[in-house]
Amino acid sequence: MSKACINSEKRCWKIEGYNGSQQLFMKELPLNSLSEGQMVSLLQRLVSKHLNEDEIVAASLRRNSKKYAPHLEPLIDRRAKGRYTITVGQNPYYVARVSQSD
């Protein structure tokens, strides 16, 4: 566990990026450094690095638009209280989890 987690009341954001099963990116940040909304924005920015201009435009359109594509749509899983996961992208994709240090 990184110092970022240890110094933030033992909870942190663990961010990972994958292309298939290959890990592209890993970073831990103190939980209080980003809100959930800010984390969604960060993940969307990371995913957009892998999209071309047309895909970014399509992902930015209104959902009811014919040309809308869900490339940057966040999936938020809050099944367990205080522990949740945010996923953005299809492949590659980025995941942020609230993680508890040991």
PDB file of N, CA and C in Angstrom:
ATOM      1  N   MET A   1       0.859  -1.181   0.000  1.00  0.00           N
ATOM      2  CA  MET A   1       0.000   0.000   0.000  1.00  0.00           C
ATOM      3  C   MET A   1       0.895   1.230   0.000  1.00  0.00           C
ATOM      4  N   SER A   2       0.520   2.211  -0.756  1.00  0.00           N
ATOM      5  CA  SER A   2       1.346   3.412  -0.863  1.00  0.00           C
ATOM      6  C   SER A   2       1.166   4.316   0.346  1.00  0.00           C
ATOM      7  N   LYS A   3       2.088   5.271   0.482  1.00  0.00           N
ATOM      8  CA  LYS A   3       1.985   6.256   1.556  1.00  0.00           C
ATOM      9  C   LYS A   3       0.723   7.096   1.402  1.00  0.00           C
ATOM     10  N   ALA A   4       0.242   7.283   0.162  1.00  0.00           N
ATOM     11  CA  ALA A   4      -0.977   8.065  -0.065  1.00  0.00           C
ATOM     12  C   ALA A   4      -2.134   7.467   0.718  1.00  0.00           C
ATOM     13  N   CYS A   5      -2.243   6.148   0.737  1.00  0.00           N
ATOM     14  CA  CYS A   5      -3.328   5.505   1.482  1.00  0.00           C
ATOM     15  C   CYS A   5      -3.096   5.575   2.977  1.00  0.00           C
ATOM     16  N   ILE A   6      -1.892   5.343   3.395  1.00  0.00           N
ATOM     17  CA  ILE A   6      -1.575   5.320   4.819  1.00  0.00           C
ATOM     18  C   ILE A   6      -1.834   6.683   5.454  1.00  0.00           C
ATOM     19  N   ASN A   7      -1.532   7.747   4.739  1.00  0.00           N
ATOM     20  CA  ASN A   7      -1.681   9.091   5.288  1.00  0.00           C
ATOM     21  C   ASN A   7      -3.082   9.655   5.150  1.00  0.00           C
ATOM     22  N   SER A   8      -4.008   8.934   4.601  1.00  0.00           N
ATOM     23  CA  SER A   8      -5.365   9.433   4.386  1.00  0.00           C
ATOM     24  C   SER A   8      -6.376   8.568   5.129  1.00  0.00           C
ATOM     25  N   GLU A   9      -6.188   8.448   6.426  1.00  0.00           N
ATOM     26  CA  GLU A   9      -7.092   7.675   7.268  1.00  0.00           C
ATOM     27  C   GLU A   9      -7.267   6.253   6.750  1.00  0.00           C
ATOM     28  N   LYS A  10      -6.229   5.706   6.161  1.00  0.00           N
ATOM     29  CA  LYS A  10      -6.188   4.333   5.690  1.00  0.00           C
ATOM     30  C   LYS A  10      -7.129   4.029   4.523  1.00  0.00           C
ATOM     31  N   ARG A  11      -7.680   5.053   3.887  1.00  0.00           N
ATOM     32  CA  ARG A  11      -8.522   4.829   2.709  1.00  0.00           C
ATOM     33  C   ARG A  11      -7.998   5.669   1.556  1.00  0.00           C
ATOM     34  N   CYS A  12      -8.038   5.090   0.369  1.00  0.00           N
ATOM     35  CA  CYS A  12      -7.530   5.808  -0.788  1.00  0.00           C
ATOM     36  C   CYS A  12      -8.286   5.381  -2.044  1.00  0.00           C
ATOM     37  N   TRP A  13      -8.079   6.165  -3.086  1.00  0.00           N
ATOM     38  CA  TRP A  13      -8.521   5.784  -4.418  1.00  0.00           C
ATOM     39  C   TRP A  13      -7.404   4.959  -5.039  1.00  0.00           C
ATOM     40  N   LYS A  14      -7.717   3.791  -5.516  1.00  0.00           N
ATOM     41  CA  LYS A  14      -6.756   2.989  -6.274  1.00  0.00           C
ATOM     42  C   LYS A  14      -7.236   3.012  -7.718  1.00  0.00           C
ATOM     43  N   ILE A  15      -6.438   3.592  -8.604  1.00  0.00           N
ATOM     44  CA  ILE A  15      -6.800   3.754 -10.004  1.00  0.00           C
ATOM     45  C   ILE A  15      -5.953   2.799 -10.833  1.00  0.00           C
ATOM     46  N   GLU A  16      -6.614   2.033 -11.703  1.00  0.00           N
ATOM     47  CA  GLU A  16      -5.907   1.105 -12.576  1.00  0.00           C
ATOM     48  C   GLU A  16      -6.466   1.219 -13.987  1.00  0.00           C
ATOM     49  N   GLY A  17      -5.577   1.119 -14.962  1.00  0.00           N
ATOM     50  CA  GLY A  17      -5.981   1.119 -16.356  1.00  0.00           C
ATOM     51  C   GLY A  17      -5.572  -0.192 -17.000  1.00  0.00           C
ATOM     52  N   TYR A  18      -6.439  -0.737 -17.843  1.00  0.00           N
ATOM     53  CA  TYR A  18      -6.189  -2.020 -18.484  1.00  0.00           C
ATOM     54  C   TYR A  18      -6.535  -1.971 -19.958  1.00  0.00           C
ATOM     55  N   ASN A  19      -5.779  -2.732 -20.732  1.00  0.00           N
ATOM     56  CA  ASN A  19      -6.130  -3.050 -22.107  1.00  0.00           C
ATOM     57  C   ASN A  19      -6.223  -4.571 -22.129  1.00  0.00           C
ATOM     58  N   GLY A  20      -7.450  -5.088 -22.103  1.00  0.00           N
ATOM     59  CA  GLY A  20      -7.640  -6.521 -21.882  1.00  0.00           C
ATOM     60  C   GLY A  20      -7.192  -6.841 -20.474  1.00  0.00           C
ATOM     61  N   SER A  21      -6.289  -7.791 -20.345  1.00  0.00           N
ATOM     62  CA  SER A  21      -5.776  -8.128 -19.014  1.00  0.00           C
ATOM     63  C   SER A  21      -4.433  -7.463 -18.721  1.00  0.00           C
ATOM     64  N   GLN A  22      -3.904  -6.710 -19.696  1.00  0.00           N
ATOM     65  CA  GLN A  22      -2.625  -6.031 -19.503  1.00  0.00           C
ATOM     66  C   GLN A  22      -2.825  -4.706 -18.769  1.00  0.00           C
ATOM     67  N   GLN A  23      -2.141  -4.562 -17.643  1.00  0.00           N
ATOM     68  CA  GLN A  23      -2.250  -3.325 -16.872  1.00  0.00           C
ATOM     69  C   GLN A  23      -1.418  -2.241 -17.547  1.00  0.00           C
ATOM     70  N   LEU A  24      -2.079  -1.085 -17.782  1.00  0.00           N
ATOM     71  CA  LEU A  24      -1.430   0.057 -18.415  1.00  0.00           C
ATOM     72  C   LEU A  24      -1.023   1.126 -17.410  1.00  0.00           C
ATOM     73  N   PHE A  25      -1.701   1.151 -16.274  1.00  0.00           N
ATOM     74  CA  PHE A  25      -1.556   2.280 -15.360  1.00  0.00           C
ATOM     75  C   PHE A  25      -1.981   1.858 -13.963  1.00  0.00           C
ATOM     76  N   MET A  26      -1.303   2.402 -12.942  1.00  0.00           N
ATOM     77  CA  MET A  26      -1.725   2.187 -11.561  1.00  0.00           C
ATOM     78  C   MET A  26      -1.264   3.374 -10.739  1.00  0.00           C
ATOM     79  N   LYS A  27      -2.183   3.916  -9.942  1.00  0.00           N
ATOM     80  CA  LYS A  27      -1.865   5.067  -9.096  1.00  0.00           C
ATOM     81  C   LYS A  27      -2.784   5.016  -7.886  1.00  0.00           C
ATOM     82  N   GLU A  28      -2.275   5.408  -6.734  1.00  0.00           N
ATOM     83  CA  GLU A  28      -3.083   5.534  -5.529  1.00  0.00           C
ATOM     84  C   GLU A  28      -3.044   6.990  -5.074  1.00  0.00           C
ATOM     85  N   LEU A  29      -4.216   7.492  -4.702  1.00  0.00           N
ATOM     86  CA  LEU A  29      -4.359   8.865  -4.231  1.00  0.00           C
ATOM     87  C   LEU A  29      -5.140   8.875  -2.927  1.00  0.00           C
ATOM     88  N   PRO A  30      -4.857   9.811  -2.039  1.00  0.00           N
ATOM     89  CA  PRO A  30      -5.659   9.899  -0.811  1.00  0.00           C
ATOM     90  C   PRO A  30      -7.142  10.065  -1.168  1.00  0.00           C
ATOM     91  N   LEU A  31      -8.002   9.434  -0.422  1.00  0.00           N
ATOM     92  CA  LEU A  31      -9.438   9.487  -0.691  1.00  0.00           C
ATOM     93  C   LEU A  31      -9.958  10.916  -0.699  1.00  0.00           C
ATOM     94  N   ASN A  32      -9.426  11.753   0.185  1.00  0.00           N
ATOM     95  CA  ASN A  32      -9.926  13.118   0.281  1.00  0.00           C
ATOM     96  C   ASN A  32      -9.365  14.051  -0.795  1.00  0.00           C
ATOM     97  N   SER A  33      -8.560  13.524  -1.717  1.00  0.00           N
ATOM     98  CA  SER A  33      -7.981  14.373  -2.762  1.00  0.00           C
ATOM     99  C   SER A  33      -8.929  14.604  -3.940  1.00  0.00           C
ATOM    100  N   LEU A  34      -9.924  13.730  -4.115  1.00  0.00           N
ATOM    101  CA  LEU A  34     -10.887  13.851  -5.211  1.00  0.00           C
ATOM    102  C   LEU A  34     -12.261  13.380  -4.760  1.00  0.00           C
ATOM    103  N   SER A  35     -13.289  14.115  -5.154  1.00  0.00           N
ATOM    104  CA  SER A  35     -14.658  13.656  -4.917  1.00  0.00           C
ATOM    105  C   SER A  35     -14.983  12.566  -5.938  1.00  0.00           C
ATOM    106  N   GLU A  36     -16.120  11.934  -5.771  1.00  0.00           N
ATOM    107  CA  GLU A  36     -16.543  10.921  -6.737  1.00  0.00           C
ATOM    108  C   GLU A  36     -16.677  11.534  -8.133  1.00  0.00           C
ATOM    109  N   GLY A  37     -17.281  12.705  -8.217  1.00  0.00           N
ATOM    110  CA  GLY A  37     -17.448  13.370  -9.510  1.00  0.00           C
ATOM    111  C   GLY A  37     -16.118  13.721 -10.159  1.00  0.00           C
ATOM    112  N   GLN A  38     -15.177  14.172  -9.342  1.00  0.00           N
ATOM    113  CA  GLN A  38     -13.849  14.485  -9.872  1.00  0.00           C
ATOM    114  C   GLN A  38     -13.128  13.224 -10.335  1.00  0.00           C
ATOM    115  N   MET A  39     -13.350  12.111  -9.630  1.00  0.00           N
ATOM    116  CA  MET A  39     -12.739  10.853 -10.049  1.00  0.00           C
ATOM    117  C   MET A  39     -13.319  10.400 -11.382  1.00  0.00           C
ATOM    118  N   VAL A  40     -14.625  10.545 -11.562  1.00  0.00           N
ATOM    119  CA  VAL A  40     -15.240  10.203 -12.843  1.00  0.00           C
ATOM    120  C   VAL A  40     -14.584  11.021 -13.956  1.00  0.00           C
ATOM    121  N   SER A  41     -14.421  12.320 -13.737  1.00  0.00           N
ATOM    122  CA  SER A  41     -13.789  13.185 -14.738  1.00  0.00           C
ATOM    123  C   SER A  41     -12.357  12.743 -15.036  1.00  0.00           C
ATOM    124  N   LEU A  42     -11.610  12.389 -13.997  1.00  0.00           N
ATOM    125  CA  LEU A  42     -10.239  11.928 -14.190  1.00  0.00           C
ATOM    126  C   LEU A  42     -10.207  10.659 -15.036  1.00  0.00           C
ATOM    127  N   LEU A  43     -11.070   9.691 -14.707  1.00  0.00           N
ATOM    128  CA  LEU A  43     -11.108   8.445 -15.477  1.00  0.00           C
ATOM    129  C   LEU A  43     -11.497   8.713 -16.930  1.00  0.00           C
ATOM    130  N   GLN A  44     -12.449   9.615 -17.143  1.00  0.00           N
ATOM    131  CA  GLN A  44     -12.847   9.962 -18.509  1.00  0.00           C
ATOM    132  C   GLN A  44     -11.671  10.569 -19.275  1.00  0.00           C
ATOM    133  N   ARG A  45     -10.898  11.398 -18.623  1.00  0.00           N
ATOM    134  CA  ARG A  45      -9.715  11.984 -19.278  1.00  0.00           C
ATOM    135  C   ARG A  45      -8.695  10.904 -19.639  1.00  0.00           C
ATOM    136  N   LEU A  46      -8.485   9.977 -18.719  1.00  0.00           N
ATOM    137  CA  LEU A  46      -7.533   8.898 -18.996  1.00  0.00           C
ATOM    138  C   LEU A  46      -7.991   8.040 -20.172  1.00  0.00           C
ATOM    139  N   VAL A  47      -9.272   7.709 -20.214  1.00  0.00           N
ATOM    140  CA  VAL A  47      -9.803   6.906 -21.323  1.00  0.00           C
ATOM    141  C   VAL A  47      -9.711   7.678 -22.637  1.00  0.00           C
ATOM    142  N   SER A  48      -9.987   8.976 -22.594  1.00  0.00           N
ATOM    143  CA  SER A  48     -10.012   9.762 -23.831  1.00  0.00           C
ATOM    144  C   SER A  48      -8.649   9.801 -24.527  1.00  0.00           C
ATOM    145  N   LYS A  49      -7.578   9.543 -23.781  1.00  0.00           N
ATOM    146  CA  LYS A  49      -6.246   9.460 -24.408  1.00  0.00           C
ATOM    147  C   LYS A  49      -6.190   8.372 -25.478  1.00  0.00           C
ATOM    148  N   HIS A  50      -7.054   7.366 -25.370  1.00  0.00           N
ATOM    149  CA  HIS A  50      -7.037   6.219 -26.274  1.00  0.00           C
ATOM    150  C   HIS A  50      -8.087   6.334 -27.382  1.00  0.00           C
ATOM    151  N   LEU A  51      -8.843   7.426 -27.395  1.00  0.00           N
ATOM    152  CA  LEU A  51      -9.897   7.619 -28.398  1.00  0.00           C
ATOM    153  C   LEU A  51      -9.430   8.596 -29.464  1.00  0.00           C
ATOM    154  N   ASN A  52      -9.991   8.458 -30.659  1.00  0.00           N
ATOM    155  CA  ASN A  52      -9.700   9.462 -31.677  1.00  0.00           C
ATOM    156  C   ASN A  52     -10.708  10.604 -31.538  1.00  0.00           C
ATOM    157  N   GLU A  53     -10.529  11.649 -32.305  1.00  0.00           N
ATOM    158  CA  GLU A  53     -11.363  12.841 -32.168  1.00  0.00           C
ATOM    159  C   GLU A  53     -12.841  12.544 -32.394  1.00  0.00           C
ATOM    160  N   ASP A  54     -13.167  11.735 -33.410  1.00  0.00           N
ATOM    161  CA  ASP A  54     -14.567  11.410 -33.689  1.00  0.00           C
ATOM    162  C   ASP A  54     -15.208  10.636 -32.537  1.00  0.00           C
ATOM    163  N   GLU A  55     -14.462   9.741 -31.910  1.00  0.00           N
ATOM    164  CA  GLU A  55     -14.986   8.985 -30.774  1.00  0.00           C
ATOM    165  C   GLU A  55     -15.217   9.889 -29.569  1.00  0.00           C
ATOM    166  N   ILE A  56     -14.338  10.859 -29.360  1.00  0.00           N
ATOM    167  CA  ILE A  56     -14.520  11.806 -28.254  1.00  0.00           C
ATOM    168  C   ILE A  56     -15.758  12.656 -28.488  1.00  0.00           C
ATOM    169  N   VAL A  57     -15.952  13.112 -29.721  1.00  0.00           N
ATOM    170  CA  VAL A  57     -17.145  13.898 -30.040  1.00  0.00           C
ATOM    171  C   VAL A  57     -18.391  13.055 -29.826  1.00  0.00           C
ATOM    172  N   ALA A  58     -18.414  11.827 -30.328  1.00  0.00           N
ATOM    173  CA  ALA A  58     -19.583  10.949 -30.174  1.00  0.00           C
ATOM    174  C   ALA A  58     -19.893  10.679 -28.707  1.00  0.00           C
ATOM    175  N   ALA A  59     -18.862  10.534 -27.883  1.00  0.00           N
ATOM    176  CA  ALA A  59     -19.053  10.273 -26.459  1.00  0.00           C
ATOM    177  C   ALA A  59     -19.530  11.512 -25.710  1.00  0.00           C
ATOM    178  N   SER A  60     -19.371  12.681 -26.317  1.00  0.00           N
ATOM    179  CA  SER A  60     -19.763  13.942 -25.685  1.00  0.00           C
ATOM    180  C   SER A  60     -21.173  14.385 -26.044  1.00  0.00           C
ATOM    181  N   LEU A  61     -21.789  13.719 -26.991  1.00  0.00           N
ATOM    182  CA  LEU A  61     -23.144  14.074 -27.416  1.00  0.00           C
ATOM    183  C   LEU A  61     -24.177  13.652 -26.374  1.00  0.00           C
ATOM    184  N   ARG A  62     -25.372  14.207 -26.487  1.00  0.00           N
ATOM    185  CA  ARG A  62     -26.473  13.778 -25.624  1.00  0.00           C
ATOM    186  C   ARG A  62     -26.782  12.310 -25.883  1.00  0.00           C
ATOM    187  N   ARG A  63     -27.213  11.634 -24.841  1.00  0.00           N
ATOM    188  CA  ARG A  63     -27.491  10.191 -24.963  1.00  0.00           C
ATOM    189  C   ARG A  63     -28.554   9.874 -25.996  1.00  0.00           C
ATOM    190  N   ASN A  64     -29.496  10.776 -26.211  1.00  0.00           N
ATOM    191  CA  ASN A  64     -30.563  10.489 -27.172  1.00  0.00           C
ATOM    192  C   ASN A  64     -30.180  10.852 -28.606  1.00  0.00           C
ATOM    193  N   SER A  65     -28.954  11.303 -28.817  1.00  0.00           N
ATOM    194  CA  SER A  65     -28.472  11.623 -30.158  1.00  0.00           C
ATOM    195  C   SER A  65     -28.181  10.331 -30.923  1.00  0.00           C
ATOM    196  N   LYS A  66     -28.464  10.340 -32.222  1.00  0.00           N
ATOM    197  CA  LYS A  66     -28.201   9.154 -33.051  1.00  0.00           C
ATOM    198  C   LYS A  66     -26.736   8.753 -33.041  1.00  0.00           C
ATOM    199  N   LYS A  67     -25.852   9.717 -32.961  1.00  0.00           N
ATOM    200  CA  LYS A  67     -24.420   9.432 -33.063  1.00  0.00           C
ATOM    201  C   LYS A  67     -23.731   9.283 -31.712  1.00  0.00           C
ATOM    202  N   TYR A  68     -24.507   9.287 -30.635  1.00  0.00           N
ATOM    203  CA  TYR A  68     -23.937   9.123 -29.296  1.00  0.00           C
ATOM    204  C   TYR A  68     -23.255   7.755 -29.168  1.00  0.00           C
ATOM    205  N   ALA A  69     -22.108   7.734 -28.498  1.00  0.00           N
ATOM    206  CA  ALA A  69     -21.403   6.485 -28.183  1.00  0.00           C
ATOM    207  C   ALA A  69     -21.001   6.540 -26.704  1.00  0.00           C
ATOM    208  N   PRO A  70     -21.178   5.451 -25.970  1.00  0.00           N
ATOM    209  CA  PRO A  70     -20.939   5.460 -24.516  1.00  0.00           C
ATOM    210  C   PRO A  70     -19.485   5.256 -24.104  1.00  0.00           C
ATOM    211  N   HIS A  71     -18.538   5.679 -24.916  1.00  0.00           N
ATOM    212  CA  HIS A  71     -17.113   5.455 -24.624  1.00  0.00           C
ATOM    213  C   HIS A  71     -16.673   6.008 -23.268  1.00  0.00           C
ATOM    214  N   LEU A  72     -17.282   7.106 -22.843  1.00  0.00           N
ATOM    215  CA  LEU A  72     -16.850   7.763 -21.601  1.00  0.00           C
ATOM    216  C   LEU A  72     -17.903   7.674 -20.494  1.00  0.00           C
ATOM    217  N   GLU A  73     -18.875   6.809 -20.667  1.00  0.00           N
ATOM    218  CA  GLU A  73     -19.960   6.662 -19.699  1.00  0.00           C
ATOM    219  C   GLU A  73     -19.445   5.944 -18.445  1.00  0.00           C
ATOM    220  N   PRO A  74     -19.594   6.543 -17.271  1.00  0.00           N
ATOM    221  CA  PRO A  74     -19.132   5.870 -16.051  1.00  0.00           C
ATOM    222  C   PRO A  74     -20.129   4.817 -15.562  1.00  0.00           C
ATOM    223  N   LEU A  75     -19.605   3.728 -15.071  1.00  0.00           N
ATOM    224  CA  LEU A  75     -20.407   2.703 -14.398  1.00  0.00           C
ATOM    225  C   LEU A  75     -19.982   2.726 -12.938  1.00  0.00           C
ATOM    226  N   ILE A  76     -20.941   3.019 -12.067  1.00  0.00           N
ATOM    227  CA  ILE A  76     -20.627   3.159 -10.643  1.00  0.00           C
ATOM    228  C   ILE A  76     -21.319   2.042  -9.876  1.00  0.00           C
ATOM    229  N   ASP A  77     -20.526   1.286  -9.127  1.00  0.00           N
ATOM    230  CA  ASP A  77     -21.033   0.167  -8.332  1.00  0.00           C
ATOM    231  C   ASP A  77     -20.863   0.521  -6.863  1.00  0.00           C
ATOM    232  N   ARG A  78     -21.998   0.667  -6.164  1.00  0.00           N
ATOM    233  CA  ARG A  78     -21.986   1.020  -4.730  1.00  0.00           C
ATOM    234  C   ARG A  78     -22.591  -0.107  -3.883  1.00  0.00           C
ATOM    235  N   ARG A  79     -22.370  -1.327  -4.251  1.00  0.00           N
ATOM    236  CA  ARG A  79     -23.015  -2.446  -3.538  1.00  0.00           C
ATOM    237  C   ARG A  79     -22.623  -2.526  -2.072  1.00  0.00           C
ATOM    238  N   ALA A  80     -21.364  -2.312  -1.777  1.00  0.00           N
ATOM    239  CA  ALA A  80     -20.921  -2.396  -0.376  1.00  0.00           C
ATOM    240  C   ALA A  80     -20.775  -0.990   0.183  1.00  0.00           C
ATOM    241  N   LYS A  81     -21.293  -0.757   1.357  1.00  0.00           N
ATOM    242  CA  LYS A  81     -21.236   0.570   1.973  1.00  0.00           C
ATOM    243  C   LYS A  81     -19.784   1.023   2.173  1.00  0.00           C
ATOM    244  N   GLY A  82     -19.496   2.235   1.702  1.00  0.00           N
ATOM    245  CA  GLY A  82     -18.167   2.797   1.873  1.00  0.00           C
ATOM    246  C   GLY A  82     -17.115   2.260   0.927  1.00  0.00           C
ATOM    247  N   ARG A  83     -17.457   1.280   0.143  1.00  0.00           N
ATOM    248  CA  ARG A  83     -16.515   0.712  -0.826  1.00  0.00           C
ATOM    249  C   ARG A  83     -17.237   0.643  -2.155  1.00  0.00           C
ATOM    250  N   TYR A  84     -16.719   1.341  -3.109  1.00  0.00           N
ATOM    251  CA  TYR A  84     -17.359   1.316  -4.412  1.00  0.00           C
ATOM    252  C   TYR A  84     -16.332   1.394  -5.517  1.00  0.00           C
ATOM    253  N   THR A  85     -16.812   1.120  -6.735  1.00  0.00           N
ATOM    254  CA  THR A  85     -15.957   1.048  -7.905  1.00  0.00           C
ATOM    255  C   THR A  85     -16.551   1.909  -9.006  1.00  0.00           C
ATOM    256  N   ILE A  86     -15.694   2.649  -9.692  1.00  0.00           N
ATOM    257  CA  ILE A  86     -16.095   3.433 -10.849  1.00  0.00           C
ATOM    258  C   ILE A  86     -15.286   2.923 -12.031  1.00  0.00           C
ATOM    259  N   THR A  87     -15.968   2.575 -13.119  1.00  0.00           N
ATOM    260  CA  THR A  87     -15.306   2.092 -14.324  1.00  0.00           C
ATOM    261  C   THR A  87     -15.694   2.981 -15.491  1.00  0.00           C
ATOM    262  N   VAL A  88     -14.712   3.351 -16.296  1.00  0.00           N
ATOM    263  CA  VAL A  88     -14.963   4.141 -17.506  1.00  0.00           C
ATOM    264  C   VAL A  88     -14.181   3.499 -18.647  1.00  0.00           C
ATOM    265  N   GLY A  89     -14.834   3.350 -19.788  1.00  0.00           N
ATOM    266  CA  GLY A  89     -14.188   2.792 -20.968  1.00  0.00           C
ATOM    267  C   GLY A  89     -14.538   1.340 -21.161  1.00  0.00           C
ATOM    268  N   GLN A  90     -14.212   0.861 -22.354  1.00  0.00           N
ATOM    269  CA  GLN A  90     -14.501  -0.528 -22.687  1.00  0.00           C
ATOM    270  C   GLN A  90     -13.208  -1.308 -22.846  1.00  0.00           C
ATOM    271  N   ASN A  91     -12.369  -0.912 -23.747  1.00  0.00           N
ATOM    272  CA  ASN A  91     -11.054  -1.519 -23.881  1.00  0.00           C
ATOM    273  C   ASN A  91     -10.206  -0.617 -24.755  1.00  0.00           C
ATOM    274  N   PRO A  92      -9.278   0.105 -24.151  1.00  0.00           N
ATOM    275  CA  PRO A  92      -8.872   0.073 -22.751  1.00  0.00           C
ATOM    276  C   PRO A  92      -9.917   0.703 -21.822  1.00  0.00           C
ATOM    277  N   TYR A  93      -9.802   0.364 -20.557  1.00  0.00           N
ATOM    278  CA  TYR A  93     -10.716   0.897 -19.545  1.00  0.00           C
ATOM    279  C   TYR A  93      -9.931   1.215 -18.280  1.00  0.00           C
ATOM    280  N   TYR A  94     -10.511   2.108 -17.482  1.00  0.00           N
ATOM    281  CA  TYR A  94      -9.896   2.528 -16.226  1.00  0.00           C
ATOM    282  C   TYR A  94     -10.888   2.304 -15.093  1.00  0.00           C
ATOM    283  N   VAL A  95     -10.357   1.876 -13.957  1.00  0.00           N
ATOM    284  CA  VAL A  95     -11.169   1.551 -12.787  1.00  0.00           C
ATOM    285  C   VAL A  95     -10.596   2.283 -11.576  1.00  0.00           C
ATOM    286  N   ALA A  96     -11.485   2.880 -10.781  1.00  0.00           N
ATOM    287  CA  ALA A  96     -11.080   3.475  -9.503  1.00  0.00           C
ATOM    288  C   ALA A  96     -11.872   2.778  -8.409  1.00  0.00           C
ATOM    289  N   ARG A  97     -11.157   2.363  -7.371  1.00  0.00           N
ATOM    290  CA  ARG A  97     -11.786   1.701  -6.227  1.00  0.00           C
ATOM    291  C   ARG A  97     -11.384   2.438  -4.959  1.00  0.00           C
ATOM    292  N   VAL A  98     -12.313   2.475  -4.025  1.00  0.00           N
ATOM    293  CA  VAL A  98     -11.924   2.944  -2.706  1.00  0.00           C
ATOM    294  C   VAL A  98     -11.308   1.737  -2.022  1.00  0.00           C
ATOM    295  N   SER A  99     -10.080   1.915  -1.597  1.00  0.00           N
ATOM    296  CA  SER A  99      -9.320   0.817  -1.043  1.00  0.00           C
ATOM    297  C   SER A  99      -8.959   1.103   0.414  1.00  0.00           C
ATOM    298  N   GLN A 100      -8.933   0.074   1.212  1.00  0.00           N
ATOM    299  CA  GLN A 100      -8.573   0.166   2.632  1.00  0.00           C
ATOM    300  C   GLN A 100      -7.144  -0.331   2.767  1.00  0.00           C
ATOM    301  N   SER A 101      -6.301   0.438   3.439  1.00  0.00           N
ATOM    302  CA  SER A 101      -4.942  -0.052   3.666  1.00  0.00           C
ATOM    303  C   SER A 101      -4.939  -1.085   4.785  1.00  0.00           C
ATOM    304  N   ASP A 102      -3.887  -1.845   4.823  1.00  0.00           N
ATOM    305  CA  ASP A 102      -3.785  -2.913   5.839  1.00  0.00           C
ATOM    306  C   ASP A 102      -3.470  -2.385   7.208  1.00  0.00           C
TER     307      ASP A 102
END
